C-alpha atoms as a PDB file:
ATOM      1  CA  MET A   1     -49.894-109.945 172.908  1.00  0.00           C
ATOM      2  CA  LYS A   2     -47.057-108.602 171.305  1.00  0.00           C
ATOM      3  CA  ARG A   3     -43.390-107.816 172.724  1.00  0.00           C
ATOM      4  CA  ILE A   4     -40.568-105.966 171.426  1.00  0.00           C
ATOM      5  CA  LYS A   5     -37.695-108.548 170.949  1.00  0.00           C
ATOM      6  CA  SER A   6     -35.123-105.876 169.898  1.00  0.00           C
ATOM      7  CA  ALA A   7     -34.980-102.423 168.982  1.00  0.00           C
ATOM      8  CA  CYS A   8     -32.322-100.022 167.714  1.00  0.00           C
ATOM      9  CA  LEU A   9     -32.374 -96.207 166.215  1.00  0.00           C
ATOM     10  CA  LEU A  10     -30.359 -94.634 163.615  1.00  0.00           C
ATOM     11  CA  GLN A  11     -30.197 -91.201 164.197  1.00  0.00           C
ATOM     12  CA  THR A  12     -28.215 -88.394 161.956  1.00  0.00           C
ATOM     13  CA  LEU A  13     -27.683 -85.339 164.147  1.00  0.00           C
ATOM     14  CA  HIS A  14     -25.966 -81.987 163.062  1.00  0.00           C
ATOM     15  CA  PHE A  15     -24.294 -80.193 165.532  1.00  0.00           C
ATOM     16  CA  GLN A  16     -24.287 -76.846 163.810  1.00  0.00           C
ATOM     17  CA  LEU A  17     -22.557 -73.732 164.583  1.00  0.00           C
ATOM     18  CA  LYS A  18     -23.914 -71.309 166.893  1.00  0.00           C
ATOM     19  CA  GLU A  19     -23.852 -67.732 165.089  1.00  0.00           C
ATOM     20  CA  ASP A  20     -23.382 -65.433 168.136  1.00  0.00           C
ATOM     21  CA  LEU A  21     -19.921 -66.395 168.229  1.00  0.00           C
ATOM     22  CA  GLY A  22     -16.810 -66.161 166.161  1.00  0.00           C
ATOM     23  CA  HIS A  23     -16.041 -68.901 163.683  1.00  0.00           C
ATOM     24  CA  ALA A  24     -13.238 -70.290 165.581  1.00  0.00           C
ATOM     25  CA  ALA A  25     -15.035 -70.187 168.845  1.00  0.00           C
ATOM     26  CA  ALA A  26     -17.973 -71.607 167.209  1.00  0.00           C
ATOM     27  CA  ALA A  27     -16.107 -74.799 165.485  1.00  0.00           C
ATOM     28  CA  HIS A  28     -14.676 -75.373 168.852  1.00  0.00           C
ATOM     29  CA  ALA A  29     -17.881 -75.264 171.051  1.00  0.00           C
ATOM     30  CA  VAL A  30     -19.422 -77.930 168.434  1.00  0.00           C
ATOM     31  CA  ARG A  31     -16.691 -80.273 168.705  1.00  0.00           C
ATOM     32  CA  GLU A  32     -16.976 -80.034 172.641  1.00  0.00           C
ATOM     33  CA  GLU A  33     -20.679 -80.750 172.073  1.00  0.00           C
ATOM     34  CA  VAL A  34     -20.224 -83.785 170.068  1.00  0.00           C
ATOM     35  CA  LYS A  35     -17.685 -84.868 172.503  1.00  0.00           C
ATOM     36  CA  ASN A  36     -20.244 -84.298 175.566  1.00  0.00           C
ATOM     37  CA  TYR A  37     -23.070 -86.013 173.254  1.00  0.00           C
ATOM     38  CA  LYS A  38     -20.734 -89.130 173.356  1.00  0.00           C
ATOM     39  CA  LEU A  39     -20.223 -89.109 177.042  1.00  0.00           C
ATOM     40  CA  GLN A  40     -23.454 -88.708 177.755  1.00  0.00           C
ATOM     41  CA  LEU A  41     -24.379 -92.094 175.978  1.00  0.00           C
ATOM     42  CA  GLU A  42     -21.704 -93.758 177.957  1.00  0.00           C
ATOM     43  CA  ARG A  43     -22.641 -92.355 181.248  1.00  0.00           C
ATOM     44  CA  ALA A  44     -26.149 -93.511 180.234  1.00  0.00           C
ATOM     45  CA  HIS A  45     -25.164 -97.020 179.627  1.00  0.00           C
ATOM     46  CA  THR A  46     -26.460 -96.964 176.047  1.00  0.00           C
ATOM     47  CA  ARG A  47     -25.199 -99.347 173.597  1.00  0.00           C
ATOM     48  CA  TYR A  48     -24.139 -97.150 170.428  1.00  0.00           C
ATOM     49  CA  GLN A  49     -21.951 -97.368 167.351  1.00  0.00           C
ATOM     50  CA  ILE A  50     -21.063 -94.065 165.541  1.00  0.00           C
ATOM     51  CA  VAL A  51     -21.376 -95.158 161.832  1.00  0.00           C
ATOM     52  CA  ASP A  52     -20.065 -91.963 160.118  1.00  0.00           C
ATOM     53  CA  GLU A  53     -19.058 -88.613 161.643  1.00  0.00           C
ATOM     54  CA  VAL A  54     -18.378 -85.690 158.959  1.00  0.00           C
ATOM     55  CA  VAL A  55     -17.067 -82.535 159.419  1.00  0.00           C
ATOM     56  CA  GLN A  56     -18.857 -80.054 157.126  1.00  0.00           C
ATOM     57  CA  PRO A  57     -17.103 -77.228 155.109  1.00  0.00           C
ATOM     58  CA  ASP A  58     -18.524 -74.782 157.761  1.00  0.00           C
ATOM     59  CA  ASP A  59     -16.998 -76.714 160.318  1.00  0.00           C
ATOM     60  CA  SER A  60     -20.208 -78.100 161.732  1.00  0.00           C
ATOM     61  CA  ILE A  61     -20.557 -81.769 162.238  1.00  0.00           C
ATOM     62  CA  VAL A  62     -22.638 -84.584 161.141  1.00  0.00           C
ATOM     63  CA  VAL A  63     -22.899 -87.580 163.069  1.00  0.00           C
ATOM     64  CA  ARG A  64     -24.943 -90.753 162.113  1.00  0.00           C
ATOM     65  CA  VAL A  65     -25.141 -93.084 165.164  1.00  0.00           C
ATOM     66  CA  LYS A  66     -27.268 -96.457 165.786  1.00  0.00           C
ATOM     67  CA  LYS A  67     -28.081 -96.677 169.343  1.00  0.00           C
ATOM     68  CA  GLN A  68     -30.003 -98.988 171.534  1.00  0.00           C
ATOM     69  CA  TYR A  69     -34.017 -97.797 172.225  1.00  0.00           C
ATOM     70  CA  ASN A  70     -35.284 -97.903 175.790  1.00  0.00           C
ATOM     71  CA  ASN A  71     -32.977-100.541 177.100  1.00  0.00           C
ATOM     72  CA  HIS A  72     -34.097-103.345 174.504  1.00  0.00           C
ATOM     73  CA  PRO A  73     -31.651-105.720 173.192  1.00  0.00           C
ATOM     74  CA  CYS A  74     -30.064-104.780 169.887  1.00  0.00           C
ATOM     75  CA  ASP A  75     -28.797-108.060 168.733  1.00  0.00           C
ATOM     76  CA  ALA A  76     -27.812-107.821 165.206  1.00  0.00           C
ATOM     77  CA  TYR A  77     -28.642-104.117 164.921  1.00  0.00           C
ATOM     78  CA  MET A  78     -24.958-103.576 166.166  1.00  0.00           C
ATOM     79  CA  ASP A  79     -23.440-105.959 163.772  1.00  0.00           C
END
């Protein structure tokens, strides 16, 4: 029998601007979306670590995040 001892995901998320909004409004919406994503992780009590958060030239945002997978322990992944 096998059991998962620890698990972690490394995700790269690209929060893109909505084309139907003006540039300033779309950039603001992207910043809010990133903020809400982080709050969602907190509310779900998900262990996570932001590895990198880069604002692109078009004001979209790329976030690389390590996060806990299905409530399994993360052990050394978060170090």
